[in-house]
Amino acid sequence: MPTPTKGHRLGGSPAHERHILANLATALFQHGRITTTEAKAKRLRPVAERLITFAKRGDLHARRHVLTVVTDKGVVHQLFTEIAPEFSERDGGYTRITKIGPRKGDNAAMAVIELVRGEPVAARPRRRARRAAADATTAAAPAATTAAAEAEADEAAEASAAEATEAGEADEVQDVDDVADEAAAQDSDEDDAEAGDEDGKPAGDA
């Protein structure tokens, strides 16, 4: 069972309400815009947009379905040949409601409902395109993370190599210093030995 529409019924019976909406839809398709109460405009919008959706199909079954609501064949012809092709690139939102303030006399809220015709439609990517873009973004994120990790690993390897090189150079310098110290110590020992030999010689030999 369909969910009943919230709010008061337009007219005295459901049949009266259907006739009111049918007449409002006929006037809307015929003139492009009408002024009515805000409640009637809000109730008319889904009816009119559904009829436009049927008209966009363009087949015989859709035309017969629209004729059950809009009985004026001239308006139906205009809907199928003029109005529906203008909304071929639009997926919805065929009407616009503009509030114009209260009506004099009974203070009823008034509004203008009109067809949104001749306005450019913002290009919206299809669901598959959006999904492909999201997948590409998701795939690019791990790749970027991997590239960053590789760059960090390369930097760490270069730093380790530089530290190892510096350590090797320091060891070589220390080895050279040790060799120099050993040579100096050996020279000193030789000098001491020569001095001892000279001191140990007898005086007569001199």
C-alpha atoms as a PDB file:
ATOM      1  CA  MET A   1       0.000   0.000   0.000  1.00  0.00           C
ATOM      2  CA  PRO A   2       1.513   3.368  -0.959  1.00  0.00           C
ATOM      3  CA  THR A   3       2.329   5.833   1.776  1.00  0.00           C
ATOM      4  CA  PRO A   4      -0.370   8.525   1.962  1.00  0.00           C
ATOM      5  CA  THR A   5       0.661  12.095   1.294  1.00  0.00           C
ATOM      6  CA  LYS A   6       1.097  14.198   4.403  1.00  0.00           C
ATOM      7  CA  GLY A   7      -1.153  17.220   4.887  1.00  0.00           C
ATOM      8  CA  HIS A   8      -4.694  18.062   3.970  1.00  0.00           C
ATOM      9  CA  ARG A   9      -6.217  16.703   0.786  1.00  0.00           C
ATOM     10  CA  LEU A  10      -6.737  19.144  -2.054  1.00  0.00           C
ATOM     11  CA  GLY A  11     -10.488  19.273  -2.690  1.00  0.00           C
ATOM     12  CA  GLY A  12     -13.183  17.255  -1.050  1.00  0.00           C
ATOM     13  CA  SER A  13     -12.311  13.749  -2.302  1.00  0.00           C
ATOM     14  CA  PRO A  14      -9.410  11.814  -3.841  1.00  0.00           C
ATOM     15  CA  ALA A  15     -11.004  12.070  -7.281  1.00  0.00           C
ATOM     16  CA  HIS A  16     -11.336  15.831  -6.910  1.00  0.00           C
ATOM     17  CA  GLU A  17      -7.685  16.043  -5.911  1.00  0.00           C
ATOM     18  CA  ARG A  18      -6.629  14.057  -9.005  1.00  0.00           C
ATOM     19  CA  HIS A  19      -8.619  16.418 -11.236  1.00  0.00           C
ATOM     20  CA  ILE A  20      -7.081  19.477  -9.580  1.00  0.00           C
ATOM     21  CA  LEU A  21      -3.535  18.155 -10.112  1.00  0.00           C
ATOM     22  CA  ALA A  22      -4.345  17.143 -13.698  1.00  0.00           C
ATOM     23  CA  ASN A  23      -5.624  20.631 -14.502  1.00  0.00           C
ATOM     24  CA  LEU A  24      -2.595  22.236 -12.847  1.00  0.00           C
ATOM     25  CA  ALA A  25      -0.226  19.969 -14.806  1.00  0.00           C
ATOM     26  CA  THR A  26      -2.014  20.798 -18.052  1.00  0.00           C
ATOM     27  CA  ALA A  27      -1.693  24.525 -17.378  1.00  0.00           C
ATOM     28  CA  LEU A  28       1.964  24.133 -16.411  1.00  0.00           C
ATOM     29  CA  PHE A  29       2.860  22.295 -19.622  1.00  0.00           C
ATOM     30  CA  GLN A  30       0.833  24.711 -21.716  1.00  0.00           C
ATOM     31  CA  HIS A  31       2.185  27.996 -20.280  1.00  0.00           C
ATOM     32  CA  GLY A  32       5.524  26.959 -18.800  1.00  0.00           C
ATOM     33  CA  ARG A  33       4.783  28.578 -15.424  1.00  0.00           C
ATOM     34  CA  ILE A  34       1.742  29.110 -13.235  1.00  0.00           C
ATOM     35  CA  THR A  35       0.962  30.905  -9.997  1.00  0.00           C
ATOM     36  CA  THR A  36      -0.848  28.896  -7.342  1.00  0.00           C
ATOM     37  CA  THR A  37      -0.769  28.246  -3.632  1.00  0.00           C
ATOM     38  CA  GLU A  38       2.390  26.824  -2.113  1.00  0.00           C
ATOM     39  CA  ALA A  39       0.597  23.636  -1.014  1.00  0.00           C
ATOM     40  CA  LYS A  40      -0.701  22.953  -4.524  1.00  0.00           C
ATOM     41  CA  ALA A  41       2.710  23.705  -6.056  1.00  0.00           C
ATOM     42  CA  LYS A  42       4.447  21.230  -3.742  1.00  0.00           C
ATOM     43  CA  ARG A  43       1.805  18.588  -4.497  1.00  0.00           C
ATOM     44  CA  LEU A  44       2.038  19.270  -8.247  1.00  0.00           C
ATOM     45  CA  ARG A  45       5.805  18.984  -8.550  1.00  0.00           C
ATOM     46  CA  PRO A  46       6.153  15.155  -8.303  1.00  0.00           C
ATOM     47  CA  VAL A  47       3.135  14.654 -10.617  1.00  0.00           C
ATOM     48  CA  ALA A  48       4.528  16.968 -13.296  1.00  0.00           C
ATOM     49  CA  GLU A  49       8.060  15.557 -13.119  1.00  0.00           C
ATOM     50  CA  ARG A  50       6.759  12.004 -13.391  1.00  0.00           C
ATOM     51  CA  LEU A  51       4.805  12.947 -16.519  1.00  0.00           C
ATOM     52  CA  ILE A  52       7.939  14.525 -18.011  1.00  0.00           C
ATOM     53  CA  THR A  53       9.865  11.331 -17.286  1.00  0.00           C
ATOM     54  CA  PHE A  54       7.225   9.340 -19.174  1.00  0.00           C
ATOM     55  CA  ALA A  55       7.390  11.832 -22.034  1.00  0.00           C
ATOM     56  CA  LYS A  56      11.177  11.390 -22.260  1.00  0.00           C
ATOM     57  CA  ARG A  57      10.607   7.703 -23.012  1.00  0.00           C
ATOM     58  CA  GLY A  58       8.569   8.700 -26.041  1.00  0.00           C
ATOM     59  CA  ASP A  59       6.938   5.336 -26.755  1.00  0.00           C
ATOM     60  CA  LEU A  60       3.248   4.630 -27.285  1.00  0.00           C
ATOM     61  CA  HIS A  61       2.698   3.171 -23.833  1.00  0.00           C
ATOM     62  CA  ALA A  62       4.138   6.298 -22.199  1.00  0.00           C
ATOM     63  CA  ARG A  63       1.919   8.534 -24.348  1.00  0.00           C
ATOM     64  CA  ARG A  64      -1.190   6.577 -23.370  1.00  0.00           C
ATOM     65  CA  HIS A  65      -0.208   6.759 -19.704  1.00  0.00           C
ATOM     66  CA  VAL A  66       0.191  10.534 -19.888  1.00  0.00           C
ATOM     67  CA  LEU A  67      -3.179  10.813 -21.647  1.00  0.00           C
ATOM     68  CA  THR A  68      -4.843   9.274 -18.600  1.00  0.00           C
ATOM     69  CA  VAL A  69      -3.738  12.340 -16.601  1.00  0.00           C
ATOM     70  CA  VAL A  70      -3.558  15.137 -19.168  1.00  0.00           C
ATOM     71  CA  THR A  71      -6.573  14.707 -21.437  1.00  0.00           C
ATOM     72  CA  ASP A  72      -5.715  17.577 -23.802  1.00  0.00           C
ATOM     73  CA  LYS A  73      -4.062  15.950 -26.820  1.00  0.00           C
ATOM     74  CA  GLY A  74      -2.522  19.221 -27.931  1.00  0.00           C
ATOM     75  CA  VAL A  75      -0.762  19.664 -24.578  1.00  0.00           C
ATOM     76  CA  VAL A  76       0.386  16.033 -24.649  1.00  0.00           C
ATOM     77  CA  HIS A  77       1.818  16.537 -28.120  1.00  0.00           C
ATOM     78  CA  GLN A  78       3.621  19.660 -26.928  1.00  0.00           C
ATOM     79  CA  LEU A  79       4.957  17.740 -23.922  1.00  0.00           C
ATOM     80  CA  PHE A  80       6.365  14.918 -26.057  1.00  0.00           C
ATOM     81  CA  THR A  81       7.731  16.995 -28.950  1.00  0.00           C
ATOM     82  CA  GLU A  82       8.927  20.220 -27.286  1.00  0.00           C
ATOM     83  CA  ILE A  83       9.299  19.903 -23.520  1.00  0.00           C
ATOM     84  CA  ALA A  84      10.693  16.381 -23.122  1.00  0.00           C
ATOM     85  CA  PRO A  85      13.587  16.813 -25.640  1.00  0.00           C
ATOM     86  CA  GLU A  86      14.757  19.877 -23.719  1.00  0.00           C
ATOM     87  CA  PHE A  87      15.230  17.720 -20.609  1.00  0.00           C
ATOM     88  CA  SER A  88      17.012  14.858 -22.381  1.00  0.00           C
ATOM     89  CA  GLU A  89      20.309  15.699 -20.647  1.00  0.00           C
ATOM     90  CA  ARG A  90      18.740  16.283 -17.233  1.00  0.00           C
ATOM     91  CA  ASP A  91      18.112  13.395 -14.846  1.00  0.00           C
ATOM     92  CA  GLY A  92      15.604  15.218 -12.665  1.00  0.00           C
ATOM     93  CA  GLY A  93      14.662  18.572 -11.216  1.00  0.00           C
ATOM     94  CA  TYR A  94      12.487  19.673 -14.134  1.00  0.00           C
ATOM     95  CA  THR A  95      10.525  22.242 -12.106  1.00  0.00           C
ATOM     96  CA  ARG A  96      11.285  25.119  -9.768  1.00  0.00           C
ATOM     97  CA  ILE A  97       9.093  26.551  -7.020  1.00  0.00           C
ATOM     98  CA  THR A  98       9.511  30.213  -6.018  1.00  0.00           C
ATOM     99  CA  LYS A  99       7.616  31.646  -3.076  1.00  0.00           C
ATOM    100  CA  ILE A 100       6.042  35.061  -3.711  1.00  0.00           C
ATOM    101  CA  GLY A 101       4.422  35.854  -0.365  1.00  0.00           C
ATOM    102  CA  PRO A 102       0.871  35.741   0.965  1.00  0.00           C
ATOM    103  CA  ARG A 103      -2.228  36.356  -1.116  1.00  0.00           C
ATOM    104  CA  LYS A 104      -4.413  39.323  -0.385  1.00  0.00           C
ATOM    105  CA  GLY A 105      -7.747  38.400   1.084  1.00  0.00           C
ATOM    106  CA  ASP A 106      -7.183  35.008   2.718  1.00  0.00           C
ATOM    107  CA  ASN A 107      -3.416  35.405   3.368  1.00  0.00           C
ATOM    108  CA  ALA A 108      -2.661  32.078   1.665  1.00  0.00           C
ATOM    109  CA  ALA A 109       0.999  31.386   0.882  1.00  0.00           C
ATOM    110  CA  MET A 110       1.502  31.772  -2.865  1.00  0.00           C
ATOM    111  CA  ALA A 111       4.227  30.395  -5.124  1.00  0.00           C
ATOM    112  CA  VAL A 112       5.226  30.222  -8.755  1.00  0.00           C
ATOM    113  CA  ILE A 113       6.023  26.801 -10.211  1.00  0.00           C
ATOM    114  CA  GLU A 114       7.805  26.791 -13.560  1.00  0.00           C
ATOM    115  CA  LEU A 115       9.682  24.474 -15.878  1.00  0.00           C
ATOM    116  CA  VAL A 116      13.449  24.753 -15.768  1.00  0.00           C
ATOM    117  CA  ARG A 117      14.034  25.217 -19.490  1.00  0.00           C
ATOM    118  CA  GLY A 118      17.016  26.573 -21.386  1.00  0.00           C
ATOM    119  CA  GLU A 119      19.441  26.287 -18.467  1.00  0.00           C
ATOM    120  CA  PRO A 120      22.767  24.461 -18.806  1.00  0.00           C
ATOM    121  CA  VAL A 121      23.162  21.228 -16.916  1.00  0.00           C
ATOM    122  CA  ALA A 122      26.317  20.746 -14.872  1.00  0.00           C
ATOM    123  CA  ALA A 123      28.339  17.820 -16.179  1.00  0.00           C
ATOM    124  CA  ARG A 124      28.099  15.028 -13.652  1.00  0.00           C
ATOM    125  CA  PRO A 125      30.236  11.932 -14.138  1.00  0.00           C
ATOM    126  CA  ARG A 126      28.506   8.620 -14.307  1.00  0.00           C
ATOM    127  CA  ARG A 127      28.630   6.166 -11.438  1.00  0.00           C
ATOM    128  CA  ARG A 128      31.174   3.966 -13.192  1.00  0.00           C
ATOM    129  CA  ALA A 129      33.416   6.939 -13.917  1.00  0.00           C
ATOM    130  CA  ARG A 130      33.235   8.096 -10.302  1.00  0.00           C
ATOM    131  CA  ARG A 131      33.967   4.563  -9.103  1.00  0.00           C
ATOM    132  CA  ALA A 132      36.932   4.256 -11.483  1.00  0.00           C
ATOM    133  CA  ALA A 133      38.291   7.598 -10.281  1.00  0.00           C
ATOM    134  CA  ALA A 134      37.920   6.494  -6.669  1.00  0.00           C
ATOM    135  CA  ASP A 135      39.692   3.209  -7.402  1.00  0.00           C
ATOM    136  CA  ALA A 136      42.492   5.056  -9.163  1.00  0.00           C
ATOM    137  CA  THR A 137      42.899   7.368  -6.181  1.00  0.00           C
ATOM    138  CA  THR A 138      42.924   4.432  -3.787  1.00  0.00           C
ATOM    139  CA  ALA A 139      45.513   2.610  -5.906  1.00  0.00           C
ATOM    140  CA  ALA A 140      47.661   5.715  -6.201  1.00  0.00           C
ATOM    141  CA  ALA A 141      47.780   6.220  -2.441  1.00  0.00           C
ATOM    142  CA  PRO A 142      49.641   2.923  -1.654  1.00  0.00           C
ATOM    143  CA  ALA A 143      51.943   3.540  -4.616  1.00  0.00           C
ATOM    144  CA  ALA A 144      52.811   6.970  -3.255  1.00  0.00           C
ATOM    145  CA  THR A 145      53.358   5.470   0.195  1.00  0.00           C
ATOM    146  CA  THR A 146      55.611   2.775  -1.268  1.00  0.00           C
ATOM    147  CA  ALA A 147      57.591   5.360  -3.217  1.00  0.00           C
ATOM    148  CA  ALA A 148      58.036   7.441  -0.074  1.00  0.00           C
ATOM    149  CA  ALA A 149      59.155   4.372   1.869  1.00  0.00           C
ATOM    150  CA  GLU A 150      61.648   3.490  -0.863  1.00  0.00           C
ATOM    151  CA  ALA A 151      62.985   7.042  -0.859  1.00  0.00           C
ATOM    152  CA  GLU A 152      63.400   6.930   2.917  1.00  0.00           C
ATOM    153  CA  ALA A 153      65.163   3.551   2.672  1.00  0.00           C
ATOM    154  CA  ASP A 154      67.533   4.934   0.022  1.00  0.00           C
ATOM    155  CA  GLU A 155      68.310   7.942   2.183  1.00  0.00           C
ATOM    156  CA  ALA A 156      68.953   5.692   5.186  1.00  0.00           C
ATOM    157  CA  ALA A 157      71.254   3.466   3.089  1.00  0.00           C
ATOM    158  CA  GLU A 158      73.184   6.492   1.835  1.00  0.00           C
ATOM    159  CA  ALA A 159      73.531   7.806   5.385  1.00  0.00           C
ATOM    160  CA  SER A 160      74.771   4.411   6.590  1.00  0.00           C
ATOM    161  CA  ALA A 161      77.265   4.254   3.734  1.00  0.00           C
ATOM    162  CA  ALA A 162      78.519   7.742   4.558  1.00  0.00           C
ATOM    163  CA  GLU A 163      78.905   6.821   8.225  1.00  0.00           C
ATOM    164  CA  ALA A 164      80.752   3.628   7.290  1.00  0.00           C
ATOM    165  CA  THR A 165      83.067   5.593   5.000  1.00  0.00           C
ATOM    166  CA  GLU A 166      83.791   8.114   7.715  1.00  0.00           C
ATOM    167  CA  ALA A 167      84.433   5.317  10.205  1.00  0.00           C
ATOM    168  CA  GLY A 168      86.801   3.581   7.729  1.00  0.00           C
ATOM    169  CA  GLU A 169      88.687   6.796   7.107  1.00  0.00           C
ATOM    170  CA  ALA A 170      89.004   7.347  10.850  1.00  0.00           C
ATOM    171  CA  ASP A 171      90.337   3.792  11.306  1.00  0.00           C
ATOM    172  CA  GLU A 172      92.853   4.317   8.509  1.00  0.00           C
ATOM    173  CA  VAL A 173      94.056   7.552  10.090  1.00  0.00           C
ATOM    174  CA  GLN A 174      94.367   5.815  13.433  1.00  0.00           C
ATOM    175  CA  ASP A 175      96.323   2.953  11.813  1.00  0.00           C
ATOM    176  CA  VAL A 176      98.675   5.436  10.185  1.00  0.00           C
ATOM    177  CA  ASP A 177      99.147   7.174  13.528  1.00  0.00           C
ATOM    178  CA  ASP A 178      99.859   3.833  15.218  1.00  0.00           C
ATOM    179  CA  VAL A 179     102.461   2.957  12.567  1.00  0.00           C
ATOM    180  CA  ALA A 180     104.072   6.357  12.994  1.00  0.00           C
ATOM    181  CA  ASP A 181     104.150   5.932  16.768  1.00  0.00           C
ATOM    182  CA  GLU A 182     105.717   2.479  16.442  1.00  0.00           C
ATOM    183  CA  ALA A 183     108.344   3.830  14.037  1.00  0.00           C
ATOM    184  CA  ALA A 184     109.121   6.699  16.393  1.00  0.00           C
ATOM    185  CA  ALA A 185     109.394   4.315  19.324  1.00  0.00           C
ATOM    186  CA  GLN A 186     111.715   2.024  17.336  1.00  0.00           C
ATOM    187  CA  ASP A 187     113.933   4.966  16.351  1.00  0.00           C
ATOM    188  CA  SER A 188     114.065   6.037  19.968  1.00  0.00           C
ATOM    189  CA  ASP A 189     115.089   2.534  21.072  1.00  0.00           C
ATOM    190  CA  GLU A 190     117.853   2.451  18.448  1.00  0.00           C
ATOM    191  CA  ASP A 191     119.136   5.849  19.560  1.00  0.00           C
ATOM    192  CA  ASP A 192     119.175   4.690  23.178  1.00  0.00           C
ATOM    193  CA  ALA A 193     121.060   1.515  22.202  1.00  0.00           C
ATOM    194  CA  GLU A 194     123.672   3.474  20.266  1.00  0.00           C
ATOM    195  CA  ALA A 195     124.120   5.866  23.162  1.00  0.00           C
ATOM    196  CA  GLY A 196     124.592   2.952  25.518  1.00  0.00           C
ATOM    197  CA  ASP A 197     127.219   1.389  23.287  1.00  0.00           C
ATOM    198  CA  GLU A 198     129.138   4.611  23.173  1.00  0.00           C
ATOM    199  CA  ASP A 199     128.992   4.952  26.953  1.00  0.00           C
ATOM    200  CA  GLY A 200     130.163   1.330  27.456  1.00  0.00           C
ATOM    201  CA  LYS A 201     133.404   1.662  25.465  1.00  0.00           C
ATOM    202  CA  PRO A 202     136.725   1.687  27.522  1.00  0.00           C
ATOM    203  CA  ALA A 203     138.591   4.943  27.935  1.00  0.00           C
ATOM    204  CA  GLY A 204     141.806   3.587  26.421  1.00  0.00           C
ATOM    205  CA  ASP A 205     140.085   2.828  23.242  1.00  0.00           C
ATOM    206  CA  ALA A 206     139.326   6.465  22.852  1.00  0.00           C
END
